[in-house]
Amino acid sequence: MKEAAEKNNVSGWVRNLSDKRVEAVLEGEESNVEAVIDWSRIGPPGAVVEYFQIMKEESKEEFFKF
């Protein structure tokens, strides 16, 4: 996800949780964020994405890199 975010000029963070879920916060132009979200629905080679949830919030513009 970091590579996809950087490629699309999206800032924020991502982390793996102990229950095998992945949590991320993304900030950037809507079309760029959507590109990272689209990538996330599939994930990297070998990944299995079983469930996907998006929660939108107002951008706080608090991240400058990923």
PDB file of N, CA and C in Angstrom:
ATOM      1  N   MET A   1       0.820  -1.187   0.000  1.00  0.00           N
ATOM      2  CA  MET A   1       0.000   0.000   0.000  1.00  0.00           C
ATOM      3  C   MET A   1       0.864   1.251   0.000  1.00  0.00           C
ATOM      4  N   LYS A   2       1.984   1.192   0.691  1.00  0.00           N
ATOM      5  CA  LYS A   2       2.868   2.366   0.737  1.00  0.00           C
ATOM      6  C   LYS A   2       3.297   2.757  -0.670  1.00  0.00           C
ATOM      7  N   GLU A   3       3.683   1.783  -1.476  1.00  0.00           N
ATOM      8  CA  GLU A   3       4.102   2.072  -2.845  1.00  0.00           C
ATOM      9  C   GLU A   3       2.951   2.650  -3.667  1.00  0.00           C
ATOM     10  N   ALA A   4       1.753   2.077  -3.522  1.00  0.00           N
ATOM     11  CA  ALA A   4       0.582   2.579  -4.248  1.00  0.00           C
ATOM     12  C   ALA A   4       0.259   4.001  -3.812  1.00  0.00           C
ATOM     13  N   ALA A   5       0.368   4.277  -2.520  1.00  0.00           N
ATOM     14  CA  ALA A   5       0.079   5.618  -2.011  1.00  0.00           C
ATOM     15  C   ALA A   5       1.096   6.626  -2.539  1.00  0.00           C
ATOM     16  N   GLU A   6       2.372   6.282  -2.458  1.00  0.00           N
ATOM     17  CA  GLU A   6       3.400   7.199  -2.926  1.00  0.00           C
ATOM     18  C   GLU A   6       3.270   7.439  -4.428  1.00  0.00           C
ATOM     19  N   LYS A   7       2.958   6.399  -5.191  1.00  0.00           N
ATOM     20  CA  LYS A   7       2.783   6.523  -6.641  1.00  0.00           C
ATOM     21  C   LYS A   7       1.627   7.472  -6.973  1.00  0.00           C
ATOM     22  N   ASN A   8       0.614   7.499  -6.125  1.00  0.00           N
ATOM     23  CA  ASN A   8      -0.569   8.322  -6.360  1.00  0.00           C
ATOM     24  C   ASN A   8      -0.580   9.619  -5.564  1.00  0.00           C
ATOM     25  N   ASN A   9       0.564   9.965  -4.962  1.00  0.00           N
ATOM     26  CA  ASN A   9       0.696  11.218  -4.203  1.00  0.00           C
ATOM     27  C   ASN A   9      -0.330  11.305  -3.070  1.00  0.00           C
ATOM     28  N   VAL A  10      -0.471  10.195  -2.347  1.00  0.00           N
ATOM     29  CA  VAL A  10      -1.394  10.109  -1.213  1.00  0.00           C
ATOM     30  C   VAL A  10      -0.567  10.012   0.064  1.00  0.00           C
ATOM     31  N   SER A  11      -0.938  10.733   1.079  1.00  0.00           N
ATOM     32  CA  SER A  11      -0.239  10.677   2.363  1.00  0.00           C
ATOM     33  C   SER A  11      -1.087   9.916   3.378  1.00  0.00           C
ATOM     34  N   GLY A  12      -0.494   9.595   4.516  1.00  0.00           N
ATOM     35  CA  GLY A  12      -1.207   8.884   5.569  1.00  0.00           C
ATOM     36  C   GLY A  12      -0.355   7.788   6.175  1.00  0.00           C
ATOM     37  N   TRP A  13      -1.005   6.689   6.570  1.00  0.00           N
ATOM     38  CA  TRP A  13      -0.274   5.564   7.177  1.00  0.00           C
ATOM     39  C   TRP A  13      -1.075   4.280   6.999  1.00  0.00           C
ATOM     40  N   VAL A  14      -0.390   3.151   7.206  1.00  0.00           N
ATOM     41  CA  VAL A  14      -1.018   1.829   7.145  1.00  0.00           C
ATOM     42  C   VAL A  14      -0.368   0.960   8.214  1.00  0.00           C
ATOM     43  N   ARG A  15      -1.157   0.042   8.791  1.00  0.00           N
ATOM     44  CA  ARG A  15      -0.581  -0.884   9.765  1.00  0.00           C
ATOM     45  C   ARG A  15      -1.355  -2.203   9.742  1.00  0.00           C
ATOM     46  N   ASN A  16      -0.637  -3.278  10.025  1.00  0.00           N
ATOM     47  CA  ASN A  16      -1.233  -4.600  10.162  1.00  0.00           C
ATOM     48  C   ASN A  16      -1.662  -4.771  11.613  1.00  0.00           C
ATOM     49  N   LEU A  17      -2.860  -5.273  11.815  1.00  0.00           N
ATOM     50  CA  LEU A  17      -3.375  -5.524  13.161  1.00  0.00           C
ATOM     51  C   LEU A  17      -3.176  -6.988  13.524  1.00  0.00           C
ATOM     52  N   SER A  18      -3.184  -7.295  14.804  1.00  0.00           N
ATOM     53  CA  SER A  18      -2.900  -8.656  15.271  1.00  0.00           C
ATOM     54  C   SER A  18      -3.929  -9.681  14.803  1.00  0.00           C
ATOM     55  N   ASP A  19      -5.120  -9.247  14.437  1.00  0.00           N
ATOM     56  CA  ASP A  19      -6.157 -10.176  13.977  1.00  0.00           C
ATOM     57  C   ASP A  19      -6.163 -10.327  12.454  1.00  0.00           C
ATOM     58  N   LYS A  20      -5.065  -9.962  11.803  1.00  0.00           N
ATOM     59  CA  LYS A  20      -4.841 -10.079  10.359  1.00  0.00           C
ATOM     60  C   LYS A  20      -5.555  -9.019   9.531  1.00  0.00           C
ATOM     61  N   ARG A  21      -6.207  -8.064  10.176  1.00  0.00           N
ATOM     62  CA  ARG A  21      -6.792  -6.948   9.441  1.00  0.00           C
ATOM     63  C   ARG A  21      -5.714  -5.910   9.156  1.00  0.00           C
ATOM     64  N   VAL A  22      -6.002  -5.046   8.210  1.00  0.00           N
ATOM     65  CA  VAL A  22      -5.115  -3.940   7.876  1.00  0.00           C
ATOM     66  C   VAL A  22      -5.910  -2.653   8.042  1.00  0.00           C
ATOM     67  N   GLU A  23      -5.303  -1.682   8.679  1.00  0.00           N
ATOM     68  CA  GLU A  23      -5.946  -0.396   8.918  1.00  0.00           C
ATOM     69  C   GLU A  23      -5.108   0.685   8.244  1.00  0.00           C
ATOM     70  N   ALA A  24      -5.763   1.625   7.591  1.00  0.00           N
ATOM     71  CA  ALA A  24      -5.036   2.690   6.902  1.00  0.00           C
ATOM     72  C   ALA A  24      -5.802   4.001   6.990  1.00  0.00           C
ATOM     73  N   VAL A  25      -5.059   5.093   6.937  1.00  0.00           N
ATOM     74  CA  VAL A  25      -5.615   6.432   6.825  1.00  0.00           C
ATOM     75  C   VAL A  25      -4.975   7.037   5.581  1.00  0.00           C
ATOM     76  N   LEU A  26      -5.815   7.532   4.670  1.00  0.00           N
ATOM     77  CA  LEU A  26      -5.328   8.083   3.413  1.00  0.00           C
ATOM     78  C   LEU A  26      -5.805   9.513   3.258  1.00  0.00           C
ATOM     79  N   GLU A  27      -4.914  10.390   2.811  1.00  0.00           N
ATOM     80  CA  GLU A  27      -5.270  11.782   2.516  1.00  0.00           C
ATOM     81  C   GLU A  27      -4.697  12.159   1.159  1.00  0.00           C
ATOM     82  N   GLY A  28      -5.466  12.911   0.407  1.00  0.00           N
ATOM     83  CA  GLY A  28      -5.005  13.387  -0.895  1.00  0.00           C
ATOM     84  C   GLY A  28      -6.187  13.742  -1.757  1.00  0.00           C
ATOM     85  N   GLU A  29      -5.894  14.034  -3.020  1.00  0.00           N
ATOM     86  CA  GLU A  29      -6.961  14.310  -3.974  1.00  0.00           C
ATOM     87  C   GLU A  29      -7.857  13.083  -4.068  1.00  0.00           C
ATOM     88  N   GLU A  30      -9.165  13.307  -4.187  1.00  0.00           N
ATOM     89  CA  GLU A  30     -10.114  12.201  -4.153  1.00  0.00           C
ATOM     90  C   GLU A  30      -9.798  11.123  -5.188  1.00  0.00           C
ATOM     91  N   SER A  31      -9.460  11.512  -6.402  1.00  0.00           N
ATOM     92  CA  SER A  31      -9.167  10.514  -7.440  1.00  0.00           C
ATOM     93  C   SER A  31      -7.916   9.707  -7.099  1.00  0.00           C
ATOM     94  N   ASN A  32      -6.946  10.332  -6.467  1.00  0.00           N
ATOM     95  CA  ASN A  32      -5.726   9.618  -6.063  1.00  0.00           C
ATOM     96  C   ASN A  32      -6.016   8.655  -4.927  1.00  0.00           C
ATOM     97  N   VAL A  33      -6.801   9.089  -3.953  1.00  0.00           N
ATOM     98  CA  VAL A  33      -7.180   8.209  -2.848  1.00  0.00           C
ATOM     99  C   VAL A  33      -7.982   7.030  -3.391  1.00  0.00           C
ATOM    100  N   GLU A  34      -8.880   7.287  -4.329  1.00  0.00           N
ATOM    101  CA  GLU A  34      -9.674   6.208  -4.928  1.00  0.00           C
ATOM    102  C   GLU A  34      -8.778   5.189  -5.626  1.00  0.00           C
ATOM    103  N   ALA A  35      -7.705   5.638  -6.260  1.00  0.00           N
ATOM    104  CA  ALA A  35      -6.766   4.723  -6.916  1.00  0.00           C
ATOM    105  C   ALA A  35      -6.116   3.789  -5.897  1.00  0.00           C
ATOM    106  N   VAL A  36      -5.760   4.315  -4.732  1.00  0.00           N
ATOM    107  CA  VAL A  36      -5.168   3.479  -3.682  1.00  0.00           C
ATOM    108  C   VAL A  36      -6.225   2.533  -3.115  1.00  0.00           C
ATOM    109  N   ILE A  37      -7.434   3.000  -2.953  1.00  0.00           N
ATOM    110  CA  ILE A  37      -8.519   2.145  -2.480  1.00  0.00           C
ATOM    111  C   ILE A  37      -8.758   1.008  -3.465  1.00  0.00           C
ATOM    112  N   ASP A  38      -8.772   1.320  -4.753  1.00  0.00           N
ATOM    113  CA  ASP A  38      -8.954   0.271  -5.770  1.00  0.00           C
ATOM    114  C   ASP A  38      -7.852  -0.774  -5.670  1.00  0.00           C
ATOM    115  N   TRP A  39      -6.603  -0.331  -5.501  1.00  0.00           N
ATOM    116  CA  TRP A  39      -5.495  -1.263  -5.339  1.00  0.00           C
ATOM    117  C   TRP A  39      -5.709  -2.126  -4.086  1.00  0.00           C
ATOM    118  N   SER A  40      -6.197  -1.513  -3.018  1.00  0.00           N
ATOM    119  CA  SER A  40      -6.375  -2.206  -1.738  1.00  0.00           C
ATOM    120  C   SER A  40      -7.426  -3.311  -1.800  1.00  0.00           C
ATOM    121  N   ARG A  41      -8.384  -3.173  -2.680  1.00  0.00           N
ATOM    122  CA  ARG A  41      -9.420  -4.205  -2.821  1.00  0.00           C
ATOM    123  C   ARG A  41      -8.827  -5.530  -3.295  1.00  0.00           C
ATOM    124  N   ILE A  42      -7.688  -5.463  -3.964  1.00  0.00           N
ATOM    125  CA  ILE A  42      -7.004  -6.659  -4.467  1.00  0.00           C
ATOM    126  C   ILE A  42      -5.779  -6.964  -3.606  1.00  0.00           C
ATOM    127  N   GLY A  43      -5.014  -5.940  -3.272  1.00  0.00           N
ATOM    128  CA  GLY A  43      -3.811  -6.096  -2.461  1.00  0.00           C
ATOM    129  C   GLY A  43      -2.630  -6.553  -3.293  1.00  0.00           C
ATOM    130  N   PRO A  44      -1.510  -6.800  -2.624  1.00  0.00           N
ATOM    131  CA  PRO A  44      -0.298  -7.227  -3.322  1.00  0.00           C
ATOM    132  C   PRO A  44      -0.419  -8.690  -3.760  1.00  0.00           C
ATOM    133  N   PRO A  45       0.490  -9.149  -4.616  1.00  0.00           N
ATOM    134  CA  PRO A  45       0.460 -10.558  -5.035  1.00  0.00           C
ATOM    135  C   PRO A  45       0.457 -11.490  -3.816  1.00  0.00           C
ATOM    136  N   GLY A  46      -0.393 -12.489  -3.856  1.00  0.00           N
ATOM    137  CA  GLY A  46      -0.479 -13.459  -2.764  1.00  0.00           C
ATOM    138  C   GLY A  46      -1.454 -13.080  -1.665  1.00  0.00           C
ATOM    139  N   ALA A  47      -1.961 -11.863  -1.700  1.00  0.00           N
ATOM    140  CA  ALA A  47      -2.901 -11.417  -0.665  1.00  0.00           C
ATOM    141  C   ALA A  47      -4.294 -11.962  -0.948  1.00  0.00           C
ATOM    142  N   VAL A  48      -5.057 -12.142   0.130  1.00  0.00           N
ATOM    143  CA  VAL A  48      -6.458 -12.528   0.023  1.00  0.00           C
ATOM    144  C   VAL A  48      -7.270 -11.484   0.775  1.00  0.00           C
ATOM    145  N   VAL A  49      -8.036 -10.698   0.048  1.00  0.00           N
ATOM    146  CA  VAL A  49      -8.879  -9.664   0.657  1.00  0.00           C
ATOM    147  C   VAL A  49     -10.281 -10.247   0.765  1.00  0.00           C
ATOM    148  N   GLU A  50     -10.726 -10.476   1.999  1.00  0.00           N
ATOM    149  CA  GLU A  50     -12.031 -11.092   2.219  1.00  0.00           C
ATOM    150  C   GLU A  50     -13.120 -10.077   2.533  1.00  0.00           C
ATOM    151  N   TYR A  51     -12.752  -8.970   3.098  1.00  0.00           N
ATOM    152  CA  TYR A  51     -13.723  -7.971   3.533  1.00  0.00           C
ATOM    153  C   TYR A  51     -13.074  -6.606   3.420  1.00  0.00           C
ATOM    154  N   PHE A  52     -13.857  -5.626   3.037  1.00  0.00           N
ATOM    155  CA  PHE A  52     -13.310  -4.287   2.831  1.00  0.00           C
ATOM    156  C   PHE A  52     -14.305  -3.284   3.373  1.00  0.00           C
ATOM    157  N   GLN A  53     -13.857  -2.358   4.194  1.00  0.00           N
ATOM    158  CA  GLN A  53     -14.729  -1.334   4.764  1.00  0.00           C
ATOM    159  C   GLN A  53     -14.057   0.021   4.628  1.00  0.00           C
ATOM    160  N   ILE A  54     -14.827   1.005   4.202  1.00  0.00           N
ATOM    161  CA  ILE A  54     -14.318   2.367   4.060  1.00  0.00           C
ATOM    162  C   ILE A  54     -15.119   3.281   4.970  1.00  0.00           C
ATOM    163  N   MET A  55     -14.422   4.115   5.711  1.00  0.00           N
ATOM    164  CA  MET A  55     -15.054   5.132   6.535  1.00  0.00           C
ATOM    165  C   MET A  55     -14.470   6.473   6.089  1.00  0.00           C
ATOM    166  N   LYS A  56     -15.315   7.340   5.565  1.00  0.00           N
ATOM    167  CA  LYS A  56     -14.846   8.647   5.103  1.00  0.00           C
ATOM    168  C   LYS A  56     -15.005   9.673   6.214  1.00  0.00           C
ATOM    169  N   GLU A  57     -13.976  10.510   6.343  1.00  0.00           N
ATOM    170  CA  GLU A  57     -13.991  11.614   7.296  1.00  0.00           C
ATOM    171  C   GLU A  57     -13.467  12.854   6.597  1.00  0.00           C
ATOM    172  N   GLU A  58     -13.744  13.988   7.159  1.00  0.00           N
ATOM    173  CA  GLU A  58     -13.214  15.231   6.622  1.00  0.00           C
ATOM    174  C   GLU A  58     -11.695  15.225   6.775  1.00  0.00           C
ATOM    175  N   SER A  59     -10.989  15.611   5.737  1.00  0.00           N
ATOM    176  CA  SER A  59      -9.529  15.642   5.768  1.00  0.00           C
ATOM    177  C   SER A  59      -9.048  16.682   6.775  1.00  0.00           C
ATOM    178  N   LYS A  60      -8.059  16.293   7.552  1.00  0.00           N
ATOM    179  CA  LYS A  60      -7.452  17.216   8.505  1.00  0.00           C
ATOM    180  C   LYS A  60      -6.122  17.745   7.987  1.00  0.00           C
ATOM    181  N   GLU A  61      -5.705  17.221   6.832  1.00  0.00           N
ATOM    182  CA  GLU A  61      -4.439  17.614   6.218  1.00  0.00           C
ATOM    183  C   GLU A  61      -3.296  17.574   7.231  1.00  0.00           C
ATOM    184  N   GLU A  62      -3.223  16.454   7.959  1.00  0.00           N
ATOM    185  CA  GLU A  62      -2.198  16.341   8.993  1.00  0.00           C
ATOM    186  C   GLU A  62      -1.018  15.475   8.581  1.00  0.00           C
ATOM    187  N   PHE A  63      -1.077  14.845   7.402  1.00  0.00           N
ATOM    188  CA  PHE A  63       0.021  13.981   6.954  1.00  0.00           C
ATOM    189  C   PHE A  63       0.716  14.594   5.759  1.00  0.00           C
ATOM    190  N   PHE A  64       2.028  14.484   5.741  1.00  0.00           N
ATOM    191  CA  PHE A  64       2.803  15.050   4.648  1.00  0.00           C
ATOM    192  C   PHE A  64       3.479  13.978   3.802  1.00  0.00           C
ATOM    193  N   LYS A  65       3.514  12.753   4.298  1.00  0.00           N
ATOM    194  CA  LYS A  65       4.077  11.638   3.550  1.00  0.00           C
ATOM    195  C   LYS A  65       3.380  10.358   4.017  1.00  0.00           C
ATOM    196  N   PHE A  66       3.733   9.246   3.406  1.00  0.00           N
ATOM    197  CA  PHE A  66       3.138   7.975   3.773  1.00  0.00           C
ATOM    198  C   PHE A  66       4.146   7.149   4.521  1.00  0.00           C
TER     199      PHE A  66
END
